[in-house]
Amino acid sequence: MANCVGQELQNYKRRLEMLYYGGEQFEKIKIESSPFLSAMQTASHLTQGFGESHFTLNHMFGEQLKKRDSLESDGNPLPSLISANVNKEYIKAHWLAKGIEYTDKL
């Protein structure tokens, strides 16, 4: 499955390069993700599929979150996110696509 997605992303990248750059390759593809684990996992596979090796966490990305009883007292889940509380090497080894690095903008 991952190979199919990667191949589709490469084909999509080539179509964009043809459309916008007359067939010349993009110098770099910048991928940013919200700090939520599911978004990070998706970003890692997209990064891999596009043939890149790095994505960046952007804490300004996310959805509007409403206060719930199960969250922190102020309703803010950000302090309890895995990306904020688990060792980066552990996250890379256990939850992200192999060989993908990320930088946290915080």
N, C-alpha and C. Protein backbone atom coordinates (compact mmCIF):
# COMPACT_ATOMS: atom_id res chain seq x y z
N MET A 1 0.82 -1.20 0.00
CA MET A 1 0.00 0.00 0.00
C MET A 1 0.87 1.26 0.00
N ALA A 2 1.88 1.32 0.87
CA ALA A 2 2.74 2.51 0.95
C ALA A 2 3.45 2.77 -0.37
N ASN A 3 3.87 1.70 -1.06
CA ASN A 3 4.52 1.89 -2.36
C ASN A 3 3.58 2.50 -3.37
N CYS A 4 2.31 2.07 -3.36
CA CYS A 4 1.31 2.63 -4.28
C CYS A 4 1.10 4.11 -4.00
N VAL A 5 0.99 4.47 -2.73
CA VAL A 5 0.79 5.87 -2.36
C VAL A 5 2.02 6.68 -2.76
N GLY A 6 3.19 6.16 -2.48
CA GLY A 6 4.43 6.85 -2.85
C GLY A 6 4.52 7.06 -4.35
N GLN A 7 4.16 6.07 -5.13
CA GLN A 7 4.20 6.18 -6.59
C GLN A 7 3.18 7.22 -7.06
N GLU A 8 2.00 7.22 -6.47
CA GLU A 8 0.99 8.21 -6.83
C GLU A 8 1.47 9.63 -6.51
N LEU A 9 2.13 9.79 -5.35
CA LEU A 9 2.64 11.12 -4.99
C LEU A 9 3.73 11.56 -5.96
N GLN A 10 4.59 10.65 -6.37
CA GLN A 10 5.63 10.99 -7.34
C GLN A 10 5.00 11.39 -8.67
N ASN A 11 3.96 10.67 -9.10
CA ASN A 11 3.26 11.02 -10.34
C ASN A 11 2.59 12.40 -10.22
N TYR A 12 1.98 12.65 -9.06
CA TYR A 12 1.34 13.94 -8.83
C TYR A 12 2.37 15.06 -8.85
N LYS A 13 3.52 14.82 -8.21
CA LYS A 13 4.60 15.81 -8.20
C LYS A 13 5.05 16.12 -9.62
N ARG A 14 5.21 15.10 -10.46
CA ARG A 14 5.62 15.31 -11.85
C ARG A 14 4.58 16.14 -12.62
N ARG A 15 3.30 15.85 -12.37
CA ARG A 15 2.25 16.63 -13.04
C ARG A 15 2.30 18.10 -12.62
N LEU A 16 2.51 18.36 -11.33
CA LEU A 16 2.62 19.74 -10.86
C LEU A 16 3.84 20.42 -11.47
N GLU A 17 4.96 19.71 -11.53
CA GLU A 17 6.17 20.28 -12.12
C GLU A 17 5.94 20.64 -13.59
N MET A 18 5.22 19.78 -14.31
CA MET A 18 4.91 20.06 -15.72
C MET A 18 3.99 21.28 -15.83
N LEU A 19 2.99 21.33 -14.96
CA LEU A 19 2.00 22.40 -15.01
C LEU A 19 2.60 23.76 -14.65
N TYR A 20 3.40 23.80 -13.59
CA TYR A 20 3.89 25.08 -13.08
C TYR A 20 5.32 25.43 -13.48
N TYR A 21 6.15 24.44 -13.81
CA TYR A 21 7.56 24.71 -14.08
C TYR A 21 8.03 24.15 -15.42
N GLY A 22 7.12 23.82 -16.30
CA GLY A 22 7.51 23.32 -17.61
C GLY A 22 8.34 22.05 -17.56
N GLY A 23 8.15 21.26 -16.53
CA GLY A 23 8.85 19.99 -16.41
C GLY A 23 10.09 20.03 -15.54
N GLU A 24 10.55 21.23 -15.17
CA GLU A 24 11.71 21.31 -14.28
C GLU A 24 11.29 20.88 -12.88
N GLN A 25 12.19 20.20 -12.19
CA GLN A 25 11.86 19.68 -10.85
C GLN A 25 11.81 20.79 -9.81
N PHE A 26 10.93 20.59 -8.83
CA PHE A 26 10.92 21.47 -7.68
C PHE A 26 12.27 21.35 -6.97
N GLU A 27 12.77 22.46 -6.44
CA GLU A 27 14.01 22.39 -5.67
C GLU A 27 13.81 21.63 -4.37
N LYS A 28 12.67 21.89 -3.73
CA LYS A 28 12.38 21.26 -2.45
C LYS A 28 10.88 21.31 -2.21
N ILE A 29 10.38 20.32 -1.53
CA ILE A 29 8.98 20.31 -1.12
C ILE A 29 8.96 20.49 0.39
N LYS A 30 8.28 21.52 0.85
CA LYS A 30 8.20 21.81 2.28
C LYS A 30 6.90 21.24 2.81
N ILE A 31 7.01 20.37 3.80
CA ILE A 31 5.83 19.75 4.40
C ILE A 31 5.77 20.16 5.87
N GLU A 32 4.62 20.70 6.27
CA GLU A 32 4.40 21.08 7.66
C GLU A 32 3.20 20.32 8.19
N SER A 33 3.22 20.05 9.48
CA SER A 33 2.18 19.25 10.12
C SER A 33 1.78 19.89 11.43
N SER A 34 0.54 19.65 11.83
CA SER A 34 0.15 20.03 13.18
C SER A 34 0.86 19.08 14.14
N PRO A 35 0.92 19.39 15.43
CA PRO A 35 1.64 18.55 16.39
C PRO A 35 0.85 17.34 16.89
N PHE A 36 -0.34 17.11 16.34
CA PHE A 36 -1.13 15.94 16.72
C PHE A 36 -0.53 14.70 16.07
N LEU A 37 -0.46 13.61 16.81
CA LEU A 37 0.22 12.41 16.33
C LEU A 37 -0.32 11.92 15.00
N SER A 38 -1.62 11.89 14.82
CA SER A 38 -2.17 11.38 13.56
C SER A 38 -1.73 12.24 12.38
N ALA A 39 -1.67 13.55 12.57
CA ALA A 39 -1.18 14.44 11.51
C ALA A 39 0.30 14.21 11.24
N MET A 40 1.07 13.98 12.30
CA MET A 40 2.50 13.71 12.15
C MET A 40 2.72 12.41 11.37
N GLN A 41 1.92 11.40 11.67
CA GLN A 41 2.05 10.13 10.96
C GLN A 41 1.73 10.31 9.48
N THR A 42 0.67 11.03 9.19
CA THR A 42 0.32 11.30 7.79
C THR A 42 1.42 12.08 7.10
N ALA A 43 1.92 13.13 7.77
CA ALA A 43 2.99 13.94 7.19
C ALA A 43 4.25 13.12 6.93
N SER A 44 4.56 12.18 7.82
CA SER A 44 5.77 11.37 7.62
C SER A 44 5.65 10.50 6.38
N HIS A 45 4.46 9.97 6.13
CA HIS A 45 4.27 9.14 4.93
C HIS A 45 4.22 9.99 3.66
N LEU A 46 3.62 11.17 3.74
CA LEU A 46 3.64 12.09 2.60
C LEU A 46 5.07 12.52 2.29
N THR A 47 5.83 12.82 3.33
CA THR A 47 7.22 13.22 3.17
C THR A 47 7.99 12.12 2.45
N GLN A 48 7.82 10.90 2.92
CA GLN A 48 8.49 9.76 2.31
C GLN A 48 8.02 9.57 0.86
N GLY A 49 6.73 9.68 0.64
CA GLY A 49 6.18 9.50 -0.70
C GLY A 49 6.68 10.52 -1.70
N PHE A 50 6.91 11.74 -1.25
CA PHE A 50 7.42 12.78 -2.13
C PHE A 50 8.93 12.71 -2.28
N GLY A 51 9.55 11.73 -1.62
CA GLY A 51 11.00 11.58 -1.75
C GLY A 51 11.79 12.54 -0.90
N GLU A 52 11.15 13.14 0.07
CA GLU A 52 11.84 14.04 1.00
C GLU A 52 12.19 13.27 2.27
N SER A 53 12.92 13.90 3.17
CA SER A 53 13.33 13.20 4.39
C SER A 53 12.97 13.95 5.66
N HIS A 54 12.27 15.10 5.53
CA HIS A 54 12.06 15.96 6.70
C HIS A 54 10.74 16.72 6.58
N PHE A 55 10.04 16.85 7.71
CA PHE A 55 8.90 17.74 7.79
C PHE A 55 9.00 18.55 9.08
N THR A 56 8.19 19.60 9.17
CA THR A 56 8.24 20.51 10.31
C THR A 56 6.89 20.52 11.03
N LEU A 57 6.95 20.54 12.36
CA LEU A 57 5.72 20.71 13.15
C LEU A 57 5.42 22.20 13.26
N ASN A 58 4.17 22.54 13.02
CA ASN A 58 3.73 23.91 13.13
C ASN A 58 2.56 23.93 14.10
N HIS A 59 2.77 24.53 15.27
CA HIS A 59 1.75 24.54 16.31
C HIS A 59 0.60 25.50 16.02
N MET A 60 0.70 26.24 14.92
CA MET A 60 -0.40 27.09 14.51
C MET A 60 -1.41 26.31 13.67
N PHE A 61 -1.05 25.11 13.22
CA PHE A 61 -1.97 24.26 12.46
C PHE A 61 -2.82 23.46 13.42
N GLY A 62 -4.05 23.30 13.11
CA GLY A 62 -4.92 22.49 13.95
C GLY A 62 -6.36 22.91 13.74
N GLU A 63 -7.20 22.26 14.46
CA GLU A 63 -8.61 22.58 14.35
C GLU A 63 -9.04 23.37 15.58
N GLN A 64 -10.22 23.95 15.51
CA GLN A 64 -10.75 24.64 16.67
C GLN A 64 -11.16 23.59 17.70
N LEU A 65 -10.64 23.73 18.89
CA LEU A 65 -10.91 22.75 19.93
C LEU A 65 -11.80 23.36 21.00
N LYS A 66 -12.83 22.63 21.36
CA LYS A 66 -13.74 23.09 22.39
C LYS A 66 -13.38 22.43 23.72
N LYS A 67 -13.65 23.14 24.79
CA LYS A 67 -13.36 22.61 26.11
C LYS A 67 -14.20 21.37 26.39
N ARG A 68 -13.52 20.33 26.90
CA ARG A 68 -14.20 19.10 27.30
C ARG A 68 -13.73 18.74 28.70
N ASP A 69 -14.55 18.01 29.40
CA ASP A 69 -14.19 17.61 30.76
C ASP A 69 -12.93 16.75 30.80
N SER A 70 -12.69 15.98 29.72
CA SER A 70 -11.56 15.06 29.74
C SER A 70 -10.22 15.72 29.44
N LEU A 71 -10.24 17.00 29.05
CA LEU A 71 -8.99 17.69 28.72
C LEU A 71 -8.48 18.46 29.92
N GLU A 72 -7.36 19.12 29.71
CA GLU A 72 -6.79 19.96 30.75
C GLU A 72 -7.90 20.91 31.26
N SER A 73 -7.73 21.47 32.44
CA SER A 73 -8.77 22.29 33.04
C SER A 73 -9.16 23.49 32.17
N ASP A 74 -8.22 24.00 31.38
CA ASP A 74 -8.56 25.14 30.53
C ASP A 74 -9.02 24.70 29.14
N GLY A 75 -9.12 23.40 28.90
CA GLY A 75 -9.58 22.89 27.62
C GLY A 75 -8.50 22.81 26.55
N ASN A 76 -7.28 23.15 26.89
CA ASN A 76 -6.18 23.16 25.94
C ASN A 76 -5.46 21.80 25.94
N PRO A 77 -5.55 21.04 24.84
CA PRO A 77 -4.89 19.73 24.80
C PRO A 77 -3.41 19.79 24.47
N LEU A 78 -2.91 20.93 24.00
CA LEU A 78 -1.53 20.99 23.51
C LEU A 78 -0.47 20.55 24.53
N PRO A 79 -0.59 20.92 25.81
CA PRO A 79 0.43 20.46 26.76
C PRO A 79 0.47 18.94 26.95
N SER A 80 -0.62 18.25 26.62
CA SER A 80 -0.65 16.81 26.84
C SER A 80 -0.41 15.99 25.56
N LEU A 81 -0.05 16.65 24.46
CA LEU A 81 0.19 15.92 23.21
C LEU A 81 1.42 15.03 23.31
N ILE A 82 1.38 13.94 22.58
CA ILE A 82 2.52 13.03 22.53
C ILE A 82 3.76 13.77 22.04
N SER A 83 3.59 14.64 21.04
CA SER A 83 4.74 15.36 20.49
C SER A 83 5.41 16.26 21.52
N ALA A 84 4.67 16.65 22.56
CA ALA A 84 5.23 17.50 23.61
C ALA A 84 5.77 16.71 24.79
N ASN A 85 5.40 15.43 24.90
CA ASN A 85 5.73 14.68 26.12
C ASN A 85 6.53 13.40 25.90
N VAL A 86 6.71 12.99 24.68
CA VAL A 86 7.42 11.74 24.40
C VAL A 86 8.71 12.07 23.66
N ASN A 87 9.77 11.36 23.99
CA ASN A 87 11.07 11.55 23.37
C ASN A 87 10.96 11.48 21.84
N LYS A 88 11.59 12.44 21.18
CA LYS A 88 11.54 12.53 19.71
C LYS A 88 12.04 11.25 19.05
N GLU A 89 13.10 10.66 19.55
CA GLU A 89 13.64 9.44 18.96
C GLU A 89 12.65 8.28 19.07
N TYR A 90 11.92 8.23 20.18
CA TYR A 90 10.90 7.20 20.35
C TYR A 90 9.77 7.39 19.34
N ILE A 91 9.34 8.64 19.17
CA ILE A 91 8.28 8.93 18.20
C ILE A 91 8.72 8.50 16.81
N LYS A 92 9.94 8.87 16.42
CA LYS A 92 10.44 8.50 15.09
C LYS A 92 10.52 6.99 14.92
N ALA A 93 10.98 6.30 15.93
CA ALA A 93 11.17 4.85 15.84
C ALA A 93 9.86 4.07 15.85
N HIS A 94 8.85 4.56 16.54
CA HIS A 94 7.64 3.78 16.73
C HIS A 94 6.41 4.26 15.96
N TRP A 95 6.38 5.51 15.55
CA TRP A 95 5.15 6.01 14.96
C TRP A 95 5.28 6.65 13.59
N LEU A 96 6.48 6.99 13.15
CA LEU A 96 6.63 7.67 11.87
C LEU A 96 7.20 6.74 10.81
N ALA A 97 7.05 7.14 9.56
CA ALA A 97 7.63 6.37 8.45
C ALA A 97 9.15 6.29 8.64
N LYS A 98 9.71 5.17 8.29
CA LYS A 98 11.13 4.91 8.50
C LYS A 98 12.01 5.94 7.78
N GLY A 99 12.99 6.45 8.52
CA GLY A 99 13.97 7.36 7.95
C GLY A 99 13.52 8.81 7.85
N ILE A 100 12.36 9.13 8.41
CA ILE A 100 11.84 10.50 8.31
C ILE A 100 12.17 11.27 9.58
N GLU A 101 12.69 12.48 9.40
CA GLU A 101 13.03 13.38 10.49
C GLU A 101 11.99 14.48 10.58
N TYR A 102 11.88 15.11 11.74
CA TYR A 102 11.02 16.29 11.86
C TYR A 102 11.65 17.29 12.81
N THR A 103 11.25 18.54 12.62
CA THR A 103 11.69 19.63 13.49
C THR A 103 10.45 20.25 14.11
N ASP A 104 10.51 20.51 15.39
CA ASP A 104 9.42 21.18 16.09
C ASP A 104 9.76 22.66 16.15
N LYS A 105 8.87 23.51 15.63
CA LYS A 105 9.13 24.95 15.59
C LYS A 105 9.13 25.62 16.95
N LEU A 106 8.65 24.94 17.98
CA LEU A 106 8.63 25.57 19.32
C LEU A 106 10.03 25.72 19.86
